[in-house]
Amino acid sequence: MDLSANGSRNNGSTKQFIYQTLREKIFTLELEPGVKMSEKEIAEQLKVSRTPVRESFLQLAQEGLLDIYPQKGTVVSKIDLAHVEESRFVRENIEKAVVRLACESLSEDDIFQLETNLILQEKLVERGNFLKQFELDDEFHKIIFFGCGKQRTWEMLRQMNTHFNRLRLLRLTSPLDWSVIISQHKNILQLIKSNEPAKAEAVMSEHLRLVVIEKDFLKERFPTYFK
């Protein structure tokens, strides 16, 4: 596993570099669910002490991305569908309230950012860049939260949604129809622009349930990735 590929430690602490690098590799499935992790191997590869590696492992474990078993070792956690459902429930109910608020609160600049985001999403479908598609999907929702002044709420959801987001990313790597996601995003934006909060809530709810509806397909395609 090449930990040096994603950047330099010059812009932050060794621990933060290790944490960010491992977190990205877990999210992008380069480190697959169930893979065993070794403090010793990572420390030797990076030529650092095991302390920052251990601290990074603990932080990732707190986020539900690693499972640490005393005397046995550490593995990348498998996707827990119970956690996915809880995160979806919380996010759906909060995001319905936020999209209702967005119908009254978003500025012209916010709308422009959302429109630009959707143009980029459509271009990426042609190129099949699923990782960038995931980032733009997340950015679309983030723009809405920030435009409504709900930055801390967004950060709270980000911390909670680790298993939910891994399932979302897994969906994007699969041969499912990406255009459905973009179509829902377009619909949400149009309903915000036309100030139709009830309809915007309904589409947002449908949008956030999409990945859970497809979970059986994903479990069948990637059986070793799930608890």
C-alpha atoms as a PDB file:
ATOM      1  CA  MET A   1       0.000   0.000   0.000  1.00  0.00           C
ATOM      2  CA  ASP A   2       1.563   3.249  -1.162  1.00  0.00           C
ATOM      3  CA  LEU A   3       0.776   5.943   1.386  1.00  0.00           C
ATOM      4  CA  SER A   4       2.934   8.549  -0.277  1.00  0.00           C
ATOM      5  CA  ALA A   5       0.810   8.782  -3.414  1.00  0.00           C
ATOM      6  CA  ASN A   6      -1.791  11.167  -2.074  1.00  0.00           C
ATOM      7  CA  GLY A   7       0.325  14.104  -1.035  1.00  0.00           C
ATOM      8  CA  SER A   8       2.982  15.442   1.260  1.00  0.00           C
ATOM      9  CA  ARG A   9       3.281  15.793   4.982  1.00  0.00           C
ATOM     10  CA  ASN A  10       4.613  19.322   4.605  1.00  0.00           C
ATOM     11  CA  ASN A  11       1.150  20.857   4.979  1.00  0.00           C
ATOM     12  CA  GLY A  12       0.271  19.210   8.263  1.00  0.00           C
ATOM     13  CA  SER A  13       1.304  16.857  11.017  1.00  0.00           C
ATOM     14  CA  THR A  14       2.421  13.295  10.403  1.00  0.00           C
ATOM     15  CA  LYS A  15      -0.643  12.001  12.217  1.00  0.00           C
ATOM     16  CA  GLN A  16      -2.997  14.114  10.098  1.00  0.00           C
ATOM     17  CA  PHE A  17      -1.285  12.968   6.908  1.00  0.00           C
ATOM     18  CA  ILE A  18      -1.631   9.309   7.877  1.00  0.00           C
ATOM     19  CA  TYR A  19      -5.237   9.769   8.977  1.00  0.00           C
ATOM     20  CA  GLN A  20      -6.305  11.616   5.809  1.00  0.00           C
ATOM     21  CA  THR A  21      -4.497   9.176   3.530  1.00  0.00           C
ATOM     22  CA  LEU A  22      -5.969   6.070   5.149  1.00  0.00           C
ATOM     23  CA  ARG A  23      -9.424   7.636   5.317  1.00  0.00           C
ATOM     24  CA  GLU A  24      -9.385   8.410   1.594  1.00  0.00           C
ATOM     25  CA  LYS A  25      -8.151   4.939   0.682  1.00  0.00           C
ATOM     26  CA  ILE A  26     -10.910   3.362   2.792  1.00  0.00           C
ATOM     27  CA  PHE A  27     -13.586   5.568   1.227  1.00  0.00           C
ATOM     28  CA  THR A  28     -12.371   4.935  -2.324  1.00  0.00           C
ATOM     29  CA  LEU A  29     -12.297   1.171  -1.591  1.00  0.00           C
ATOM     30  CA  GLU A  30      -8.575   0.953  -2.359  1.00  0.00           C
ATOM     31  CA  LEU A  31      -8.475  -0.467   1.157  1.00  0.00           C
ATOM     32  CA  GLU A  32     -11.356  -2.918   0.948  1.00  0.00           C
ATOM     33  CA  PRO A  33     -13.653  -3.780   3.873  1.00  0.00           C
ATOM     34  CA  GLY A  34     -12.145  -6.612   5.893  1.00  0.00           C
ATOM     35  CA  VAL A  35      -8.511  -5.917   4.921  1.00  0.00           C
ATOM     36  CA  LYS A  36      -6.073  -6.257   7.812  1.00  0.00           C
ATOM     37  CA  MET A  37      -4.049  -3.174   8.791  1.00  0.00           C
ATOM     38  CA  SER A  38      -0.620  -3.177  10.415  1.00  0.00           C
ATOM     39  CA  GLU A  39       0.721  -0.308  12.512  1.00  0.00           C
ATOM     40  CA  LYS A  40       4.215  -1.692  12.110  1.00  0.00           C
ATOM     41  CA  GLU A  41       4.104  -1.910   8.305  1.00  0.00           C
ATOM     42  CA  ILE A  42       2.683   1.592   7.862  1.00  0.00           C
ATOM     43  CA  ALA A  43       5.196   3.080  10.305  1.00  0.00           C
ATOM     44  CA  GLU A  44       8.087   1.367   8.513  1.00  0.00           C
ATOM     45  CA  GLN A  45       6.893   2.473   5.077  1.00  0.00           C
ATOM     46  CA  LEU A  46       6.583   6.095   6.179  1.00  0.00           C
ATOM     47  CA  LYS A  47       9.695   5.974   8.364  1.00  0.00           C
ATOM     48  CA  VAL A  48       7.823   7.289  11.408  1.00  0.00           C
ATOM     49  CA  SER A  49       7.233   6.000  14.897  1.00  0.00           C
ATOM     50  CA  ARG A  50       4.189   3.850  15.554  1.00  0.00           C
ATOM     51  CA  THR A  51       2.637   6.524  17.800  1.00  0.00           C
ATOM     52  CA  PRO A  52       1.081   8.721  15.053  1.00  0.00           C
ATOM     53  CA  VAL A  53      -0.039   5.592  13.213  1.00  0.00           C
ATOM     54  CA  ARG A  54      -1.743   4.287  16.366  1.00  0.00           C
ATOM     55  CA  GLU A  55      -3.398   7.667  16.947  1.00  0.00           C
ATOM     56  CA  SER A  56      -4.669   7.682  13.357  1.00  0.00           C
ATOM     57  CA  PHE A  57      -6.034   4.164  13.797  1.00  0.00           C
ATOM     58  CA  LEU A  58      -7.903   5.241  16.931  1.00  0.00           C
ATOM     59  CA  GLN A  59      -9.424   8.251  15.164  1.00  0.00           C
ATOM     60  CA  LEU A  60     -10.545   6.094  12.246  1.00  0.00           C
ATOM     61  CA  ALA A  61     -11.983   3.547  14.669  1.00  0.00           C
ATOM     62  CA  GLN A  62     -14.004   6.300  16.357  1.00  0.00           C
ATOM     63  CA  GLU A  63     -15.476   7.125  12.951  1.00  0.00           C
ATOM     64  CA  GLY A  64     -16.387   3.497  12.368  1.00  0.00           C
ATOM     65  CA  LEU A  65     -13.879   2.946   9.569  1.00  0.00           C
ATOM     66  CA  LEU A  66     -11.552   0.567  11.420  1.00  0.00           C
ATOM     67  CA  ASP A  67     -12.271  -2.270  13.832  1.00  0.00           C
ATOM     68  CA  ILE A  68      -9.547  -2.742  16.455  1.00  0.00           C
ATOM     69  CA  TYR A  69      -9.385  -6.134  18.161  1.00  0.00           C
ATOM     70  CA  PRO A  70      -6.952  -6.281  21.119  1.00  0.00           C
ATOM     71  CA  GLN A  71      -4.335  -9.004  20.703  1.00  0.00           C
ATOM     72  CA  LYS A  72      -5.743  -9.837  17.268  1.00  0.00           C
ATOM     73  CA  GLY A  73      -5.202  -6.842  15.028  1.00  0.00           C
ATOM     74  CA  THR A  74      -6.957  -4.088  13.113  1.00  0.00           C
ATOM     75  CA  VAL A  75      -9.116  -4.424  10.021  1.00  0.00           C
ATOM     76  CA  VAL A  76     -11.000  -2.042   7.749  1.00  0.00           C
ATOM     77  CA  SER A  77     -14.565  -2.202   9.014  1.00  0.00           C
ATOM     78  CA  LYS A  78     -17.205  -3.811   6.860  1.00  0.00           C
ATOM     79  CA  ILE A  79     -20.209  -1.733   5.867  1.00  0.00           C
ATOM     80  CA  ASP A  80     -22.829  -1.985   8.596  1.00  0.00           C
ATOM     81  CA  LEU A  81     -26.319  -1.611   7.131  1.00  0.00           C
ATOM     82  CA  ALA A  82     -27.759  -0.802  10.557  1.00  0.00           C
ATOM     83  CA  HIS A  83     -25.435   2.225  10.697  1.00  0.00           C
ATOM     84  CA  VAL A  84     -26.351   3.079   7.108  1.00  0.00           C
ATOM     85  CA  GLU A  85     -30.049   3.110   7.946  1.00  0.00           C
ATOM     86  CA  GLU A  86     -29.587   5.223  11.067  1.00  0.00           C
ATOM     87  CA  SER A  87     -27.485   7.746   9.147  1.00  0.00           C
ATOM     88  CA  ARG A  88     -30.005   7.823   6.309  1.00  0.00           C
ATOM     89  CA  PHE A  89     -32.843   8.415   8.788  1.00  0.00           C
ATOM     90  CA  VAL A  90     -31.061  11.333  10.440  1.00  0.00           C
ATOM     91  CA  ARG A  91     -29.831  12.840   7.188  1.00  0.00           C
ATOM     92  CA  GLU A  92     -33.172  12.491   5.420  1.00  0.00           C
ATOM     93  CA  ASN A  93     -35.110  14.248   8.171  1.00  0.00           C
ATOM     94  CA  ILE A  94     -32.559  17.042   8.565  1.00  0.00           C
ATOM     95  CA  GLU A  95     -32.081  17.517   4.836  1.00  0.00           C
ATOM     96  CA  LYS A  96     -35.813  17.727   4.181  1.00  0.00           C
ATOM     97  CA  ALA A  97     -35.948  20.624   6.638  1.00  0.00           C
ATOM     98  CA  VAL A  98     -32.896  22.253   5.038  1.00  0.00           C
ATOM     99  CA  VAL A  99     -34.218  21.986   1.475  1.00  0.00           C
ATOM    100  CA  ARG A 100     -37.480  23.568   2.625  1.00  0.00           C
ATOM    101  CA  LEU A 101     -35.448  26.422   4.091  1.00  0.00           C
ATOM    102  CA  ALA A 102     -33.412  26.609   0.878  1.00  0.00           C
ATOM    103  CA  CYS A 103     -36.525  27.528  -1.102  1.00  0.00           C
ATOM    104  CA  GLU A 104     -36.508  30.848   0.743  1.00  0.00           C
ATOM    105  CA  SER A 105     -32.850  31.306   1.674  1.00  0.00           C
ATOM    106  CA  LEU A 106     -30.553  30.544  -1.245  1.00  0.00           C
ATOM    107  CA  SER A 107     -28.899  33.486  -2.960  1.00  0.00           C
ATOM    108  CA  GLU A 108     -28.342  33.906  -6.669  1.00  0.00           C
ATOM    109  CA  ASP A 109     -24.728  32.919  -6.125  1.00  0.00           C
ATOM    110  CA  ASP A 110     -25.810  29.700  -4.373  1.00  0.00           C
ATOM    111  CA  ILE A 111     -28.097  28.875  -7.300  1.00  0.00           C
ATOM    112  CA  PHE A 112     -25.252  29.545  -9.741  1.00  0.00           C
ATOM    113  CA  GLN A 113     -22.966  27.203  -7.788  1.00  0.00           C
ATOM    114  CA  LEU A 114     -25.601  24.461  -7.902  1.00  0.00           C
ATOM    115  CA  GLU A 115     -26.119  24.933 -11.639  1.00  0.00           C
ATOM    116  CA  THR A 116     -22.363  24.788 -12.253  1.00  0.00           C
ATOM    117  CA  ASN A 117     -22.114  21.660 -10.114  1.00  0.00           C
ATOM    118  CA  LEU A 118     -24.776  19.917 -12.213  1.00  0.00           C
ATOM    119  CA  ILE A 119     -23.014  20.792 -15.473  1.00  0.00           C
ATOM    120  CA  LEU A 120     -19.843  19.161 -14.123  1.00  0.00           C
ATOM    121  CA  GLN A 121     -21.792  16.106 -12.942  1.00  0.00           C
ATOM    122  CA  GLU A 122     -23.172  15.561 -16.445  1.00  0.00           C
ATOM    123  CA  LYS A 123     -19.708  15.815 -17.992  1.00  0.00           C
ATOM    124  CA  LEU A 124     -18.311  13.263 -15.546  1.00  0.00           C
ATOM    125  CA  VAL A 125     -20.983  10.704 -16.408  1.00  0.00           C
ATOM    126  CA  GLU A 126     -19.513  10.620 -19.902  1.00  0.00           C
ATOM    127  CA  ARG A 127     -16.029  10.005 -18.488  1.00  0.00           C
ATOM    128  CA  GLY A 128     -16.973   7.443 -15.835  1.00  0.00           C
ATOM    129  CA  ASN A 129     -15.043   9.168 -13.049  1.00  0.00           C
ATOM    130  CA  PHE A 130     -17.018   7.753 -10.102  1.00  0.00           C
ATOM    131  CA  LEU A 131     -14.816   9.266  -7.392  1.00  0.00           C
ATOM    132  CA  LYS A 132     -15.179  12.810  -8.705  1.00  0.00           C
ATOM    133  CA  GLN A 133     -18.887  12.139  -9.227  1.00  0.00           C
ATOM    134  CA  PHE A 134     -19.170  11.267  -5.543  1.00  0.00           C
ATOM    135  CA  GLU A 135     -17.351  14.476  -4.588  1.00  0.00           C
ATOM    136  CA  LEU A 136     -19.682  16.580  -6.734  1.00  0.00           C
ATOM    137  CA  ASP A 137     -22.733  14.799  -5.336  1.00  0.00           C
ATOM    138  CA  ASP A 138     -21.552  15.677  -1.834  1.00  0.00           C
ATOM    139  CA  GLU A 139     -20.726  19.239  -2.901  1.00  0.00           C
ATOM    140  CA  PHE A 140     -24.253  19.717  -4.286  1.00  0.00           C
ATOM    141  CA  HIS A 141     -25.753  19.008  -0.858  1.00  0.00           C
ATOM    142  CA  LYS A 142     -23.058  21.000   0.938  1.00  0.00           C
ATOM    143  CA  ILE A 143     -23.860  24.113  -1.119  1.00  0.00           C
ATOM    144  CA  ILE A 144     -27.487  23.882   0.009  1.00  0.00           C
ATOM    145  CA  PHE A 145     -26.533  23.523   3.679  1.00  0.00           C
ATOM    146  CA  PHE A 146     -24.022  26.358   3.583  1.00  0.00           C
ATOM    147  CA  GLY A 147     -26.420  28.590   1.657  1.00  0.00           C
ATOM    148  CA  CYS A 148     -28.921  28.130   4.506  1.00  0.00           C
ATOM    149  CA  GLY A 149     -26.293  28.904   7.167  1.00  0.00           C
ATOM    150  CA  LYS A 150     -26.178  25.281   8.395  1.00  0.00           C
ATOM    151  CA  GLN A 151     -22.439  24.663   8.181  1.00  0.00           C
ATOM    152  CA  ARG A 152     -22.138  22.969  11.582  1.00  0.00           C
ATOM    153  CA  THR A 153     -25.101  20.734  10.812  1.00  0.00           C
ATOM    154  CA  TRP A 154     -23.353  19.614   7.630  1.00  0.00           C
ATOM    155  CA  GLU A 155     -20.155  18.823   9.538  1.00  0.00           C
ATOM    156  CA  MET A 156     -22.127  16.836  12.120  1.00  0.00           C
ATOM    157  CA  LEU A 157     -23.720  14.756   9.365  1.00  0.00           C
ATOM    158  CA  ARG A 158     -20.352  14.241   7.671  1.00  0.00           C
ATOM    159  CA  GLN A 159     -18.953  12.681  10.835  1.00  0.00           C
ATOM    160  CA  MET A 160     -21.980  10.431  11.242  1.00  0.00           C
ATOM    161  CA  ASN A 161     -22.315   9.297   7.629  1.00  0.00           C
ATOM    162  CA  THR A 162     -19.184   7.164   7.227  1.00  0.00           C
ATOM    163  CA  HIS A 163     -20.997   3.888   6.492  1.00  0.00           C
ATOM    164  CA  PHE A 164     -23.745   5.615   4.513  1.00  0.00           C
ATOM    165  CA  ASN A 165     -21.175   7.398   2.355  1.00  0.00           C
ATOM    166  CA  ARG A 166     -19.226   4.217   1.676  1.00  0.00           C
ATOM    167  CA  LEU A 167     -22.421   2.597   0.430  1.00  0.00           C
ATOM    168  CA  ARG A 168     -23.078   5.662  -1.753  1.00  0.00           C
ATOM    169  CA  LEU A 169     -19.595   5.432  -3.221  1.00  0.00           C
ATOM    170  CA  LEU A 170     -19.985   1.697  -3.785  1.00  0.00           C
ATOM    171  CA  ARG A 171     -23.168   2.438  -5.716  1.00  0.00           C
ATOM    172  CA  LEU A 172     -21.294   4.814  -8.021  1.00  0.00           C
ATOM    173  CA  THR A 173     -18.710   2.131  -8.829  1.00  0.00           C
ATOM    174  CA  SER A 174     -21.491  -0.268  -9.841  1.00  0.00           C
ATOM    175  CA  PRO A 175     -23.305  -0.591 -13.185  1.00  0.00           C
ATOM    176  CA  LEU A 176     -26.351   1.304 -11.965  1.00  0.00           C
ATOM    177  CA  ASP A 177     -27.867   4.296 -13.714  1.00  0.00           C
ATOM    178  CA  TRP A 178     -25.975   7.462 -12.695  1.00  0.00           C
ATOM    179  CA  SER A 179     -28.466   9.598 -14.620  1.00  0.00           C
ATOM    180  CA  VAL A 180     -31.081   8.938 -11.933  1.00  0.00           C
ATOM    181  CA  ILE A 181     -28.969  10.801  -9.365  1.00  0.00           C
ATOM    182  CA  ILE A 182     -28.390  13.755 -11.682  1.00  0.00           C
ATOM    183  CA  SER A 183     -32.056  13.883 -12.639  1.00  0.00           C
ATOM    184  CA  GLN A 184     -33.042  14.067  -8.974  1.00  0.00           C
ATOM    185  CA  HIS A 185     -30.483  16.808  -8.348  1.00  0.00           C
ATOM    186  CA  LYS A 186     -31.892  18.804 -11.261  1.00  0.00           C
ATOM    187  CA  ASN A 187     -35.413  18.344  -9.930  1.00  0.00           C
ATOM    188  CA  ILE A 188     -34.393  19.485  -6.444  1.00  0.00           C
ATOM    189  CA  LEU A 189     -32.741  22.597  -7.849  1.00  0.00           C
ATOM    190  CA  GLN A 190     -35.747  23.472 -10.001  1.00  0.00           C
ATOM    191  CA  LEU A 191     -38.117  23.087  -7.038  1.00  0.00           C
ATOM    192  CA  ILE A 192     -35.875  25.321  -4.910  1.00  0.00           C
ATOM    193  CA  LYS A 193     -35.848  27.956  -7.669  1.00  0.00           C
ATOM    194  CA  SER A 194     -39.641  27.801  -8.061  1.00  0.00           C
ATOM    195  CA  ASN A 195     -40.135  27.875  -4.259  1.00  0.00           C
ATOM    196  CA  GLU A 196     -42.017  24.575  -3.927  1.00  0.00           C
ATOM    197  CA  PRO A 197     -40.850  23.304  -0.520  1.00  0.00           C
ATOM    198  CA  ALA A 198     -43.258  20.381  -0.163  1.00  0.00           C
ATOM    199  CA  LYS A 199     -42.257  18.920  -3.531  1.00  0.00           C
ATOM    200  CA  ALA A 200     -38.571  19.608  -2.831  1.00  0.00           C
ATOM    201  CA  GLU A 201     -38.837  17.659   0.427  1.00  0.00           C
ATOM    202  CA  ALA A 202     -40.447  14.708  -1.357  1.00  0.00           C
ATOM    203  CA  VAL A 203     -37.757  14.529  -4.042  1.00  0.00           C
ATOM    204  CA  MET A 204     -34.981  14.912  -1.463  1.00  0.00           C
ATOM    205  CA  SER A 205     -36.438  12.031   0.537  1.00  0.00           C
ATOM    206  CA  GLU A 206     -36.591   9.849  -2.577  1.00  0.00           C
ATOM    207  CA  HIS A 207     -33.038  10.840  -3.478  1.00  0.00           C
ATOM    208  CA  LEU A 208     -31.562   9.879  -0.104  1.00  0.00           C
ATOM    209  CA  ARG A 209     -33.372   6.542  -0.090  1.00  0.00           C
ATOM    210  CA  LEU A 210     -32.085   5.534  -3.505  1.00  0.00           C
ATOM    211  CA  VAL A 211     -28.870   3.907  -2.341  1.00  0.00           C
ATOM    212  CA  VAL A 212     -30.679   1.977   0.404  1.00  0.00           C
ATOM    213  CA  ILE A 213     -33.263   0.703  -2.074  1.00  0.00           C
ATOM    214  CA  GLU A 214     -30.371  -0.737  -4.096  1.00  0.00           C
ATOM    215  CA  LYS A 215     -28.557  -2.275  -1.130  1.00  0.00           C
ATOM    216  CA  ASP A 216     -29.620  -5.845  -2.011  1.00  0.00           C
ATOM    217  CA  PHE A 217     -28.013  -5.519  -5.441  1.00  0.00           C
ATOM    218  CA  LEU A 218     -24.842  -4.159  -3.861  1.00  0.00           C
ATOM    219  CA  LYS A 219     -24.706  -6.917  -1.235  1.00  0.00           C
ATOM    220  CA  GLU A 220     -25.054  -9.538  -3.948  1.00  0.00           C
ATOM    221  CA  ARG A 221     -22.327  -7.918  -6.060  1.00  0.00           C
ATOM    222  CA  PHE A 222     -19.932  -7.284  -3.121  1.00  0.00           C
ATOM    223  CA  PRO A 223     -20.845  -9.897  -0.482  1.00  0.00           C
ATOM    224  CA  THR A 224     -17.541  -9.637   1.435  1.00  0.00           C
ATOM    225  CA  TYR A 225     -17.924  -5.869   1.954  1.00  0.00           C
ATOM    226  CA  PHE A 226     -20.871  -6.112   4.354  1.00  0.00           C
ATOM    227  CA  LYS A 227     -21.372  -7.225   7.919  1.00  0.00           C
END
